[in-house]
Amino acid sequence: MSVDALVHDRTALLVVDMQNAFCHPEGTLGISGVDVKPAQATIEPVRRLVEAARAAGVQVLWTQQEHFAADASRARKRLASHTAKRKRVSALSGSWDMDLVDELKLLADDPSFVIRKHRFGSFYETRLEQVLRMLGTEALLVCGTTANACVETTLREAYLRDYDVVAVTDAIAAVRPEWEPTAHAVWAQYLGILATTADVVAWLEQGRAPRALGLGHLLLQTADLARSERFYVEFLGMTVRKRDTFRDGRPLVVTNEGVGLTNGRPEGPGPVDHVALRARGVRELAERASGEGVTIVRGPEPSSYGVSLYLADPDGNQIEVFEEETP
């Protein structure tokens, strides 16, 4: 499985916590003795990802950790929180520590897509999920800091919400590099797939190229429009979206399922080998076909889709109806 399985206009890039606190030598991690060079090394890959995503029309979202100096919720803990293990509380509200790093901050130019968070997870008690719903997002490309805290928590949260998840490994830094191999193995096994910046940028650039995005509709010429309409609408259960007339006067029936019907079918077999339609109740359709005089070419039978039934419409076009079938 690779990033090629994703759909560009249903995917977003999520940049997690690329802030001074976690990436700058004078930020909280740096002054606490953490080597921030690995985090600094992710800045350029993240910039490449952001620029490529924007050029491809893929939405970029940013998260920004924000802590309060006085946090009553955290203060009631009896065991030390992670913030107590550093020289100071990181990313205090309004501080330089909280700012995105200079190399990236100008790219986060729309506050609507900057998500403030107060704990590790980008989804936890933030507006991220609602924003993703409004965007129609189904997949997330994730990069940022730090691998074993905010990034991993976000990957888990996204997976639990049934997003397709891609961790862009060379654009994610851990507090301790020796933790990364285990993290990557866990992510790949349980949460999503791993990819490199080069992989993702190539996929994003592919999305910019002119190309067909999918089947919009299929227009069939029929010998008997009324009879064909009965087959597709009454038997197969399609619904009519509109009726219209071509400029040459031929009538047109368009279904919501993407099949258009008109008359004027030429003599002999047409150019269509067969039409494949996703369906529900394929075996029941086979039983109905036998009782209603609809020709079964073959099936129901196992197929690459699950189970398929091949029918002949009134003009002899071969119509495959298929559905996934649970064993």
C-alpha atoms as a PDB file:
ATOM      1  CA  MET A   1       0.000   0.000   0.000  1.00  0.00           C
ATOM      2  CA  SER A   2       1.311   3.454  -0.865  1.00  0.00           C
ATOM      3  CA  VAL A   3       0.263   7.077  -0.828  1.00  0.00           C
ATOM      4  CA  ASP A   4      -0.908   6.596  -4.437  1.00  0.00           C
ATOM      5  CA  ALA A   5      -4.106   5.046  -3.052  1.00  0.00           C
ATOM      6  CA  LEU A   6      -5.196   8.435  -1.670  1.00  0.00           C
ATOM      7  CA  VAL A   7      -7.359  11.042  -3.386  1.00  0.00           C
ATOM      8  CA  HIS A   8      -5.835  14.507  -3.580  1.00  0.00           C
ATOM      9  CA  ASP A   9      -8.988  16.499  -2.921  1.00  0.00           C
ATOM     10  CA  ARG A  10      -9.825  14.361   0.111  1.00  0.00           C
ATOM     11  CA  THR A  11      -6.377  14.696   1.698  1.00  0.00           C
ATOM     12  CA  ALA A  12      -4.837  17.341   3.975  1.00  0.00           C
ATOM     13  CA  LEU A  13      -1.326  17.967   5.270  1.00  0.00           C
ATOM     14  CA  LEU A  14      -1.122  18.346   9.050  1.00  0.00           C
ATOM     15  CA  VAL A  15       2.018  20.048  10.394  1.00  0.00           C
ATOM     16  CA  VAL A  16       2.375  19.348  14.109  1.00  0.00           C
ATOM     17  CA  ASP A  17       4.045  21.819  16.496  1.00  0.00           C
ATOM     18  CA  MET A  18       6.940  23.184  14.454  1.00  0.00           C
ATOM     19  CA  GLN A  19       7.595  25.692  17.221  1.00  0.00           C
ATOM     20  CA  ASN A  20      10.612  27.328  18.815  1.00  0.00           C
ATOM     21  CA  ALA A  21       9.954  25.331  21.988  1.00  0.00           C
ATOM     22  CA  PHE A  22      10.760  22.083  20.200  1.00  0.00           C
ATOM     23  CA  CYS A  23      13.031  23.098  17.311  1.00  0.00           C
ATOM     24  CA  HIS A  24      15.216  26.037  18.401  1.00  0.00           C
ATOM     25  CA  PRO A  25      18.360  25.643  20.532  1.00  0.00           C
ATOM     26  CA  GLU A  26      17.080  28.386  22.838  1.00  0.00           C
ATOM     27  CA  GLY A  27      13.629  26.842  23.096  1.00  0.00           C
ATOM     28  CA  THR A  28      12.433  24.777  26.032  1.00  0.00           C
ATOM     29  CA  LEU A  29      13.786  21.458  24.785  1.00  0.00           C
ATOM     30  CA  GLY A  30      17.103  23.006  23.801  1.00  0.00           C
ATOM     31  CA  ILE A  31      17.782  24.627  27.164  1.00  0.00           C
ATOM     32  CA  SER A  32      16.658  21.411  28.877  1.00  0.00           C
ATOM     33  CA  GLY A  33      19.528  19.490  27.311  1.00  0.00           C
ATOM     34  CA  VAL A  34      17.712  17.928  24.363  1.00  0.00           C
ATOM     35  CA  ASP A  35      19.614  17.870  21.086  1.00  0.00           C
ATOM     36  CA  VAL A  36      17.295  19.742  18.742  1.00  0.00           C
ATOM     37  CA  LYS A  37      19.380  19.174  15.607  1.00  0.00           C
ATOM     38  CA  PRO A  38      17.048  16.344  14.453  1.00  0.00           C
ATOM     39  CA  ALA A  39      14.086  18.705  14.829  1.00  0.00           C
ATOM     40  CA  GLN A  40      15.919  21.436  12.931  1.00  0.00           C
ATOM     41  CA  ALA A  41      16.665  18.926  10.177  1.00  0.00           C
ATOM     42  CA  THR A  42      12.917  18.476   9.594  1.00  0.00           C
ATOM     43  CA  ILE A  43      12.319  22.175   8.866  1.00  0.00           C
ATOM     44  CA  GLU A  44      13.374  21.964   5.220  1.00  0.00           C
ATOM     45  CA  PRO A  45      11.384  18.765   4.475  1.00  0.00           C
ATOM     46  CA  VAL A  46       8.335  20.307   6.146  1.00  0.00           C
ATOM     47  CA  ARG A  47       8.727  23.459   4.072  1.00  0.00           C
ATOM     48  CA  ARG A  48       8.920  21.351   0.896  1.00  0.00           C
ATOM     49  CA  LEU A  49       5.799  19.465   1.887  1.00  0.00           C
ATOM     50  CA  VAL A  50       3.867  22.637   2.626  1.00  0.00           C
ATOM     51  CA  GLU A  51       4.846  24.325  -0.628  1.00  0.00           C
ATOM     52  CA  ALA A  52       4.085  21.216  -2.676  1.00  0.00           C
ATOM     53  CA  ALA A  53       0.710  20.753  -0.948  1.00  0.00           C
ATOM     54  CA  ARG A  54      -0.282  24.348  -1.558  1.00  0.00           C
ATOM     55  CA  ALA A  55       0.740  24.122  -5.210  1.00  0.00           C
ATOM     56  CA  ALA A  56      -1.362  20.959  -5.583  1.00  0.00           C
ATOM     57  CA  GLY A  57      -4.410  22.469  -3.902  1.00  0.00           C
ATOM     58  CA  VAL A  58      -4.103  20.194  -0.852  1.00  0.00           C
ATOM     59  CA  GLN A  59      -5.106  21.974   2.339  1.00  0.00           C
ATOM     60  CA  VAL A  60      -2.370  22.569   4.914  1.00  0.00           C
ATOM     61  CA  LEU A  61      -3.252  22.706   8.606  1.00  0.00           C
ATOM     62  CA  TRP A  62      -0.904  23.621  11.447  1.00  0.00           C
ATOM     63  CA  THR A  63      -1.071  22.794  15.127  1.00  0.00           C
ATOM     64  CA  GLN A  64       0.422  25.016  17.783  1.00  0.00           C
ATOM     65  CA  GLN A  65       1.004  23.829  21.329  1.00  0.00           C
ATOM     66  CA  GLU A  66      -0.120  26.350  23.930  1.00  0.00           C
ATOM     67  CA  HIS A  67       0.428  25.961  27.671  1.00  0.00           C
ATOM     68  CA  PHE A  68      -0.685  28.235  30.478  1.00  0.00           C
ATOM     69  CA  ALA A  69       1.600  29.138  33.366  1.00  0.00           C
ATOM     70  CA  ALA A  70      -1.277  28.388  35.725  1.00  0.00           C
ATOM     71  CA  ASP A  71      -3.023  25.174  34.742  1.00  0.00           C
ATOM     72  CA  ALA A  72      -5.410  23.960  37.433  1.00  0.00           C
ATOM     73  CA  SER A  73      -6.135  20.735  35.574  1.00  0.00           C
ATOM     74  CA  ARG A  74      -2.475  19.764  35.375  1.00  0.00           C
ATOM     75  CA  ALA A  75      -1.727  21.079  38.867  1.00  0.00           C
ATOM     76  CA  ARG A  76      -4.005  18.530  40.514  1.00  0.00           C
ATOM     77  CA  LYS A  77      -1.897  15.625  39.249  1.00  0.00           C
ATOM     78  CA  ARG A  78      -0.046  13.775  42.000  1.00  0.00           C
ATOM     79  CA  LEU A  79       2.562  12.406  39.626  1.00  0.00           C
ATOM     80  CA  ALA A  80       4.913  14.664  37.722  1.00  0.00           C
ATOM     81  CA  SER A  81       3.668  15.645  34.273  1.00  0.00           C
ATOM     82  CA  HIS A  82       6.010  15.765  31.288  1.00  0.00           C
ATOM     83  CA  THR A  83       6.218  19.559  31.631  1.00  0.00           C
ATOM     84  CA  ALA A  84       7.820  19.125  35.044  1.00  0.00           C
ATOM     85  CA  LYS A  85      10.706  17.205  33.456  1.00  0.00           C
ATOM     86  CA  ARG A  86      12.005  20.278  31.601  1.00  0.00           C
ATOM     87  CA  LYS A  87      13.639  23.480  32.773  1.00  0.00           C
ATOM     88  CA  ARG A  88      10.378  25.312  32.225  1.00  0.00           C
ATOM     89  CA  VAL A  89       6.884  24.769  30.889  1.00  0.00           C
ATOM     90  CA  SER A  90       7.118  24.853  27.107  1.00  0.00           C
ATOM     91  CA  ALA A  91       5.186  27.017  24.675  1.00  0.00           C
ATOM     92  CA  LEU A  92       3.596  29.347  27.194  1.00  0.00           C
ATOM     93  CA  SER A  93       0.738  31.344  25.728  1.00  0.00           C
ATOM     94  CA  GLY A  94       1.946  34.469  23.948  1.00  0.00           C
ATOM     95  CA  SER A  95       5.633  33.609  24.275  1.00  0.00           C
ATOM     96  CA  TRP A  96       8.394  33.375  21.654  1.00  0.00           C
ATOM     97  CA  ASP A  97       8.663  29.722  22.679  1.00  0.00           C
ATOM     98  CA  MET A  98       5.136  29.155  21.394  1.00  0.00           C
ATOM     99  CA  ASP A  99       5.774  30.777  18.009  1.00  0.00           C
ATOM    100  CA  LEU A 100       6.252  28.705  14.891  1.00  0.00           C
ATOM    101  CA  VAL A 101       9.882  28.696  13.758  1.00  0.00           C
ATOM    102  CA  ASP A 102      10.911  31.636  11.597  1.00  0.00           C
ATOM    103  CA  GLU A 103      11.577  29.422   8.568  1.00  0.00           C
ATOM    104  CA  LEU A 104       7.914  28.313   8.450  1.00  0.00           C
ATOM    105  CA  LYS A 105       5.806  30.916  10.227  1.00  0.00           C
ATOM    106  CA  LEU A 106       5.065  32.970   7.104  1.00  0.00           C
ATOM    107  CA  LEU A 107       3.638  29.861   5.443  1.00  0.00           C
ATOM    108  CA  ALA A 108       1.020  29.541   8.202  1.00  0.00           C
ATOM    109  CA  ASP A 109      -0.705  32.637   6.867  1.00  0.00           C
ATOM    110  CA  ASP A 110      -4.349  31.746   7.474  1.00  0.00           C
ATOM    111  CA  PRO A 111      -5.341  31.577  11.154  1.00  0.00           C
ATOM    112  CA  SER A 112      -8.421  29.560  10.211  1.00  0.00           C
ATOM    113  CA  PHE A 113      -6.120  26.599   9.638  1.00  0.00           C
ATOM    114  CA  VAL A 114      -3.898  27.038  12.689  1.00  0.00           C
ATOM    115  CA  ILE A 115      -5.210  24.802  15.456  1.00  0.00           C
ATOM    116  CA  ARG A 116      -4.218  25.643  19.015  1.00  0.00           C
ATOM    117  CA  LYS A 117      -3.973  22.632  21.302  1.00  0.00           C
ATOM    118  CA  HIS A 118      -3.232  22.248  24.986  1.00  0.00           C
ATOM    119  CA  ARG A 119      -2.236  18.593  25.237  1.00  0.00           C
ATOM    120  CA  PHE A 120      -0.311  16.119  23.062  1.00  0.00           C
ATOM    121  CA  GLY A 121      -3.185  15.248  20.724  1.00  0.00           C
ATOM    122  CA  SER A 122      -4.142  17.535  17.858  1.00  0.00           C
ATOM    123  CA  PHE A 123      -7.757  16.309  18.083  1.00  0.00           C
ATOM    124  CA  TYR A 124      -8.123  16.380  21.868  1.00  0.00           C
ATOM    125  CA  GLU A 125     -10.571  19.180  22.759  1.00  0.00           C
ATOM    126  CA  THR A 126      -9.677  21.227  19.663  1.00  0.00           C
ATOM    127  CA  ARG A 127     -11.657  22.240  16.580  1.00  0.00           C
ATOM    128  CA  LEU A 128      -9.514  20.130  14.227  1.00  0.00           C
ATOM    129  CA  GLU A 129     -12.078  17.394  13.661  1.00  0.00           C
ATOM    130  CA  GLN A 130     -14.817  19.838  12.733  1.00  0.00           C
ATOM    131  CA  VAL A 131     -12.511  21.675  10.333  1.00  0.00           C
ATOM    132  CA  LEU A 132     -11.570  18.398   8.640  1.00  0.00           C
ATOM    133  CA  ARG A 133     -15.246  17.487   8.293  1.00  0.00           C
ATOM    134  CA  MET A 134     -15.965  20.839   6.672  1.00  0.00           C
ATOM    135  CA  LEU A 135     -13.081  20.296   4.248  1.00  0.00           C
ATOM    136  CA  GLY A 136     -14.264  16.779   3.369  1.00  0.00           C
ATOM    137  CA  THR A 137     -10.923  15.332   4.457  1.00  0.00           C
ATOM    138  CA  GLU A 138     -10.519  11.554   4.520  1.00  0.00           C
ATOM    139  CA  ALA A 139      -6.725  11.225   4.732  1.00  0.00           C
ATOM    140  CA  LEU A 140      -3.968  13.014   6.628  1.00  0.00           C
ATOM    141  CA  LEU A 141      -0.310  13.437   5.741  1.00  0.00           C
ATOM    142  CA  VAL A 142       1.362  14.081   9.102  1.00  0.00           C
ATOM    143  CA  CYS A 143       4.718  15.689   9.841  1.00  0.00           C
ATOM    144  CA  GLY A 144       6.271  17.724  12.663  1.00  0.00           C
ATOM    145  CA  THR A 145       7.455  17.295  16.251  1.00  0.00           C
ATOM    146  CA  THR A 146       7.829  15.344  18.390  1.00  0.00           C
ATOM    147  CA  ALA A 147       7.591  11.765  17.168  1.00  0.00           C
ATOM    148  CA  ASN A 148       6.805   9.990  20.431  1.00  0.00           C
ATOM    149  CA  ALA A 149       4.525  12.579  21.996  1.00  0.00           C
ATOM    150  CA  CYS A 150       2.419  14.992  19.940  1.00  0.00           C
ATOM    151  CA  VAL A 151       2.909  13.337  16.554  1.00  0.00           C
ATOM    152  CA  GLU A 152       2.220   9.791  17.720  1.00  0.00           C
ATOM    153  CA  THR A 153      -0.779  10.864  19.792  1.00  0.00           C
ATOM    154  CA  THR A 154      -2.166  12.658  16.745  1.00  0.00           C
ATOM    155  CA  LEU A 155      -1.580   9.627  14.513  1.00  0.00           C
ATOM    156  CA  ARG A 156      -3.492   7.456  16.975  1.00  0.00           C
ATOM    157  CA  GLU A 157      -6.326   9.958  17.283  1.00  0.00           C
ATOM    158  CA  ALA A 158      -6.633  10.203  13.500  1.00  0.00           C
ATOM    159  CA  TYR A 159      -6.629   6.438  13.050  1.00  0.00           C
ATOM    160  CA  LEU A 160      -9.286   5.999  15.741  1.00  0.00           C
ATOM    161  CA  ARG A 161     -11.464   8.408  13.763  1.00  0.00           C
ATOM    162  CA  ASP A 162     -11.014   6.301  10.602  1.00  0.00           C
ATOM    163  CA  TYR A 163      -8.802   8.720   8.710  1.00  0.00           C
ATOM    164  CA  ASP A 164      -6.241   7.222   6.360  1.00  0.00           C
ATOM    165  CA  VAL A 165      -2.913   8.181   7.915  1.00  0.00           C
ATOM    166  CA  VAL A 166       0.506   8.744   6.342  1.00  0.00           C
ATOM    167  CA  ALA A 167       3.491   9.501   8.588  1.00  0.00           C
ATOM    168  CA  VAL A 168       6.143  11.404   6.623  1.00  0.00           C
ATOM    169  CA  THR A 169       9.107   9.997   8.509  1.00  0.00           C
ATOM    170  CA  ASP A 170      11.948  12.279   7.417  1.00  0.00           C
ATOM    171  CA  ALA A 171       9.781  15.275   8.326  1.00  0.00           C
ATOM    172  CA  ILE A 172       9.124  14.003  11.874  1.00  0.00           C
ATOM    173  CA  ALA A 173      11.679  14.324  14.684  1.00  0.00           C
ATOM    174  CA  ALA A 174      11.884  12.497  17.988  1.00  0.00           C
ATOM    175  CA  VAL A 175      13.279  13.835  21.262  1.00  0.00           C
ATOM    176  CA  ARG A 176      15.591  10.820  21.192  1.00  0.00           C
ATOM    177  CA  PRO A 177      16.514   9.460  17.749  1.00  0.00           C
ATOM    178  CA  GLU A 178      16.950   5.958  19.150  1.00  0.00           C
ATOM    179  CA  TRP A 179      13.189   5.859  19.791  1.00  0.00           C
ATOM    180  CA  GLU A 180      12.333   6.401  16.125  1.00  0.00           C
ATOM    181  CA  PRO A 181      12.727   2.834  14.743  1.00  0.00           C
ATOM    182  CA  THR A 182      10.295   1.430  17.297  1.00  0.00           C
ATOM    183  CA  ALA A 183       7.858   4.269  16.686  1.00  0.00           C
ATOM    184  CA  HIS A 184       7.979   3.718  12.932  1.00  0.00           C
ATOM    185  CA  ALA A 185       7.422  -0.012  13.320  1.00  0.00           C
ATOM    186  CA  VAL A 186       4.367   0.579  15.525  1.00  0.00           C
ATOM    187  CA  TRP A 187       2.906   3.207  13.207  1.00  0.00           C
ATOM    188  CA  ALA A 188       3.302   1.015  10.132  1.00  0.00           C
ATOM    189  CA  GLN A 189       1.747  -1.970  11.881  1.00  0.00           C
ATOM    190  CA  TYR A 190      -1.213  -0.283  13.530  1.00  0.00           C
ATOM    191  CA  LEU A 191      -1.862   3.273  12.394  1.00  0.00           C
ATOM    192  CA  GLY A 192      -1.132   3.843   8.714  1.00  0.00           C
ATOM    193  CA  ILE A 193       1.723   3.849   6.260  1.00  0.00           C
ATOM    194  CA  LEU A 194       5.194   5.410   6.271  1.00  0.00           C
ATOM    195  CA  ALA A 195       6.419   7.621   3.444  1.00  0.00           C
ATOM    196  CA  THR A 196       9.273   9.999   2.765  1.00  0.00           C
ATOM    197  CA  THR A 197       9.065  13.635   1.782  1.00  0.00           C
ATOM    198  CA  ALA A 198      10.183  12.652  -1.723  1.00  0.00           C
ATOM    199  CA  ASP A 199       7.337  10.117  -1.968  1.00  0.00           C
ATOM    200  CA  VAL A 200       4.734  12.632  -0.867  1.00  0.00           C
ATOM    201  CA  VAL A 201       6.036  15.527  -2.963  1.00  0.00           C
ATOM    202  CA  ALA A 202       6.019  13.295  -6.063  1.00  0.00           C
ATOM    203  CA  TRP A 203       2.417  12.305  -5.303  1.00  0.00           C
ATOM    204  CA  LEU A 204       1.429  15.935  -4.774  1.00  0.00           C
ATOM    205  CA  GLU A 205       3.044  16.970  -8.048  1.00  0.00           C
ATOM    206  CA  GLN A 206       1.195  14.170  -9.811  1.00  0.00           C
ATOM    207  CA  GLY A 207      -2.021  15.699  -8.499  1.00  0.00           C
ATOM    208  CA  ARG A 208      -1.239  18.978 -10.259  1.00  0.00           C
ATOM    209  CA  ALA A 209      -1.007  17.340 -13.679  1.00  0.00           C
ATOM    210  CA  PRO A 210      -4.051  17.488 -15.973  1.00  0.00           C
ATOM    211  CA  ARG A 211      -5.763  14.114 -15.724  1.00  0.00           C
ATOM    212  CA  ALA A 212      -9.088  12.366 -15.595  1.00  0.00           C
ATOM    213  CA  LEU A 213     -10.389  12.170 -12.032  1.00  0.00           C
ATOM    214  CA  GLY A 214     -13.044   9.488 -12.451  1.00  0.00           C
ATOM    215  CA  LEU A 215     -16.057   8.421 -14.459  1.00  0.00           C
ATOM    216  CA  GLY A 216     -18.596  11.226 -14.631  1.00  0.00           C
ATOM    217  CA  HIS A 217     -21.290   9.420 -16.583  1.00  0.00           C
ATOM    218  CA  LEU A 218     -21.791   6.835 -19.304  1.00  0.00           C
ATOM    219  CA  LEU A 219     -24.143   7.607 -22.182  1.00  0.00           C
ATOM    220  CA  LEU A 220     -25.800   4.602 -23.822  1.00  0.00           C
ATOM    221  CA  GLN A 221     -27.627   4.739 -27.151  1.00  0.00           C
ATOM    222  CA  THR A 222     -30.707   2.530 -27.020  1.00  0.00           C
ATOM    223  CA  ALA A 223     -33.007   1.008 -29.592  1.00  0.00           C
ATOM    224  CA  ASP A 224     -36.043   1.445 -27.324  1.00  0.00           C
ATOM    225  CA  LEU A 225     -35.585   4.226 -24.787  1.00  0.00           C
ATOM    226  CA  ALA A 226     -38.699   3.421 -22.776  1.00  0.00           C
ATOM    227  CA  ARG A 227     -37.760  -0.243 -22.464  1.00  0.00           C
ATOM    228  CA  SER A 228     -34.193   0.622 -21.473  1.00  0.00           C
ATOM    229  CA  GLU A 229     -35.431   3.121 -18.907  1.00  0.00           C
ATOM    230  CA  ARG A 230     -37.582   0.413 -17.334  1.00  0.00           C
ATOM    231  CA  PHE A 231     -34.522  -1.875 -17.103  1.00  0.00           C
ATOM    232  CA  TYR A 232     -32.241   0.692 -15.485  1.00  0.00           C
ATOM    233  CA  VAL A 233     -34.812   2.490 -13.347  1.00  0.00           C
ATOM    234  CA  GLU A 234     -37.424  -0.095 -12.426  1.00  0.00           C
ATOM    235  CA  PHE A 235     -35.286  -3.250 -12.428  1.00  0.00           C
ATOM    236  CA  LEU A 236     -31.852  -1.995 -11.324  1.00  0.00           C
ATOM    237  CA  GLY A 237     -33.361   0.658  -9.087  1.00  0.00           C
ATOM    238  CA  MET A 238     -31.617   3.726 -10.475  1.00  0.00           C
ATOM    239  CA  THR A 239     -33.268   7.110 -10.060  1.00  0.00           C
ATOM    240  CA  VAL A 240     -33.757   9.776 -12.711  1.00  0.00           C
ATOM    241  CA  ARG A 241     -31.864  13.001 -12.098  1.00  0.00           C
ATOM    242  CA  LYS A 242     -33.106  14.884 -15.143  1.00  0.00           C
ATOM    243  CA  ARG A 243     -34.716  14.582 -18.537  1.00  0.00           C
ATOM    244  CA  ASP A 244     -33.431  16.742 -21.345  1.00  0.00           C
ATOM    245  CA  THR A 245     -33.124  16.981 -25.118  1.00  0.00           C
ATOM    246  CA  PHE A 246     -29.951  17.035 -27.194  1.00  0.00           C
ATOM    247  CA  ARG A 247     -29.454  19.769 -29.780  1.00  0.00           C
ATOM    248  CA  ASP A 248     -30.249  17.214 -32.487  1.00  0.00           C
ATOM    249  CA  GLY A 249     -33.628  16.543 -30.883  1.00  0.00           C
ATOM    250  CA  ARG A 250     -32.855  13.184 -29.270  1.00  0.00           C
ATOM    251  CA  PRO A 251     -34.313  12.726 -25.782  1.00  0.00           C
ATOM    252  CA  LEU A 252     -31.956  12.217 -22.842  1.00  0.00           C
ATOM    253  CA  VAL A 253     -32.557  10.506 -19.506  1.00  0.00           C
ATOM    254  CA  VAL A 254     -29.805  10.951 -16.895  1.00  0.00           C
ATOM    255  CA  THR A 255     -29.703   8.912 -13.695  1.00  0.00           C
ATOM    256  CA  ASN A 256     -28.206   9.919 -10.370  1.00  0.00           C
ATOM    257  CA  GLU A 257     -26.005   6.835 -10.637  1.00  0.00           C
ATOM    258  CA  GLY A 258     -24.118   8.146 -13.700  1.00  0.00           C
ATOM    259  CA  VAL A 259     -25.862   6.373 -16.594  1.00  0.00           C
ATOM    260  CA  GLY A 260     -27.365   8.426 -19.405  1.00  0.00           C
ATOM    261  CA  LEU A 261     -29.833   6.978 -21.930  1.00  0.00           C
ATOM    262  CA  THR A 262     -30.819   8.206 -25.361  1.00  0.00           C
ATOM    263  CA  ASN A 263     -32.106   6.630 -28.558  1.00  0.00           C
ATOM    264  CA  GLY A 264     -30.449   6.101 -31.939  1.00  0.00           C
ATOM    265  CA  ARG A 265     -28.521   2.907 -31.293  1.00  0.00           C
ATOM    266  CA  PRO A 266     -26.832   1.757 -34.527  1.00  0.00           C
ATOM    267  CA  GLU A 267     -27.284  -1.750 -35.875  1.00  0.00           C
ATOM    268  CA  GLY A 268     -24.934  -4.421 -34.567  1.00  0.00           C
ATOM    269  CA  PRO A 269     -22.889  -4.575 -31.394  1.00  0.00           C
ATOM    270  CA  GLY A 270     -21.833  -1.266 -29.902  1.00  0.00           C
ATOM    271  CA  PRO A 271     -18.381  -0.165 -28.753  1.00  0.00           C
ATOM    272  CA  VAL A 272     -19.079  -0.836 -25.062  1.00  0.00           C
ATOM    273  CA  ASP A 273     -17.698  -4.160 -23.822  1.00  0.00           C
ATOM    274  CA  HIS A 274     -19.546  -3.980 -20.534  1.00  0.00           C
ATOM    275  CA  VAL A 275     -20.597  -1.542 -17.829  1.00  0.00           C
ATOM    276  CA  ALA A 276     -19.753  -2.297 -14.180  1.00  0.00           C
ATOM    277  CA  LEU A 277     -22.120  -0.988 -11.520  1.00  0.00           C
ATOM    278  CA  ARG A 278     -21.647  -1.155  -7.785  1.00  0.00           C
ATOM    279  CA  ALA A 279     -24.750  -2.777  -6.322  1.00  0.00           C
ATOM    280  CA  ARG A 280     -26.396  -4.168  -3.238  1.00  0.00           C
ATOM    281  CA  GLY A 281     -28.146  -7.543  -3.151  1.00  0.00           C
ATOM    282  CA  VAL A 282     -26.542  -9.081  -6.233  1.00  0.00           C
ATOM    283  CA  ARG A 283     -27.905 -12.560  -5.511  1.00  0.00           C
ATOM    284  CA  GLU A 284     -31.405 -11.158  -5.025  1.00  0.00           C
ATOM    285  CA  LEU A 285     -31.111  -9.341  -8.361  1.00  0.00           C
ATOM    286  CA  ALA A 286     -30.273 -12.683 -10.001  1.00  0.00           C
ATOM    287  CA  GLU A 287     -33.448 -14.194  -8.566  1.00  0.00           C
ATOM    288  CA  ARG A 288     -35.506 -11.234  -9.814  1.00  0.00           C
ATOM    289  CA  ALA A 289     -33.915 -11.440 -13.267  1.00  0.00           C
ATOM    290  CA  SER A 290     -35.023 -15.030 -13.657  1.00  0.00           C
ATOM    291  CA  GLY A 291     -38.587 -14.110 -12.805  1.00  0.00           C
ATOM    292  CA  GLU A 292     -38.780 -10.907 -14.876  1.00  0.00           C
ATOM    293  CA  GLY A 293     -37.302 -12.082 -18.154  1.00  0.00           C
ATOM    294  CA  VAL A 294     -33.984 -10.254 -17.804  1.00  0.00           C
ATOM    295  CA  THR A 295     -31.166 -12.173 -19.478  1.00  0.00           C
ATOM    296  CA  ILE A 296     -28.426 -13.434 -17.178  1.00  0.00           C
ATOM    297  CA  VAL A 297     -25.169 -13.740 -19.111  1.00  0.00           C
ATOM    298  CA  ARG A 298     -23.448 -15.444 -16.193  1.00  0.00           C
ATOM    299  CA  GLY A 299     -23.213 -15.406 -12.434  1.00  0.00           C
ATOM    300  CA  PRO A 300     -23.580 -14.657  -9.677  1.00  0.00           C
ATOM    301  CA  GLU A 301     -19.917 -15.664  -9.343  1.00  0.00           C
ATOM    302  CA  PRO A 302     -16.790 -14.729  -7.423  1.00  0.00           C
ATOM    303  CA  SER A 303     -14.912 -11.796  -8.950  1.00  0.00           C
ATOM    304  CA  SER A 304     -12.125  -9.377  -8.088  1.00  0.00           C
ATOM    305  CA  TYR A 305     -14.797  -7.137  -6.546  1.00  0.00           C
ATOM    306  CA  GLY A 306     -16.367  -9.854  -4.408  1.00  0.00           C
ATOM    307  CA  VAL A 307     -19.374 -11.297  -6.256  1.00  0.00           C
ATOM    308  CA  SER A 308     -20.548 -10.257  -9.729  1.00  0.00           C
ATOM    309  CA  LEU A 309     -23.636 -10.839 -11.840  1.00  0.00           C
ATOM    310  CA  TYR A 310     -23.573 -10.204 -15.593  1.00  0.00           C
ATOM    311  CA  LEU A 311     -26.845  -9.173 -17.204  1.00  0.00           C
ATOM    312  CA  ALA A 312     -27.840  -8.131 -20.724  1.00  0.00           C
ATOM    313  CA  ASP A 313     -29.811  -4.911 -21.009  1.00  0.00           C
ATOM    314  CA  PRO A 314     -32.531  -4.589 -23.686  1.00  0.00           C
ATOM    315  CA  ASP A 315     -29.919  -3.561 -26.272  1.00  0.00           C
ATOM    316  CA  GLY A 316     -27.578  -6.429 -25.485  1.00  0.00           C
ATOM    317  CA  ASN A 317     -25.060  -4.367 -23.510  1.00  0.00           C
ATOM    318  CA  GLN A 318     -23.399  -6.483 -20.867  1.00  0.00           C
ATOM    319  CA  ILE A 319     -24.031  -4.999 -17.419  1.00  0.00           C
ATOM    320  CA  GLU A 320     -21.964  -6.233 -14.499  1.00  0.00           C
ATOM    321  CA  VAL A 321     -23.436  -5.571 -11.072  1.00  0.00           C
ATOM    322  CA  PHE A 322     -21.063  -6.276  -8.198  1.00  0.00           C
ATOM    323  CA  GLU A 323     -20.733  -5.997  -4.464  1.00  0.00           C
ATOM    324  CA  GLU A 324     -18.265  -6.973  -1.798  1.00  0.00           C
ATOM    325  CA  GLU A 325     -19.444 -10.125  -0.108  1.00  0.00           C
ATOM    326  CA  THR A 326     -18.547 -10.984   3.453  1.00  0.00           C
ATOM    327  CA  PRO A 327     -17.282 -14.584   3.721  1.00  0.00           C
END
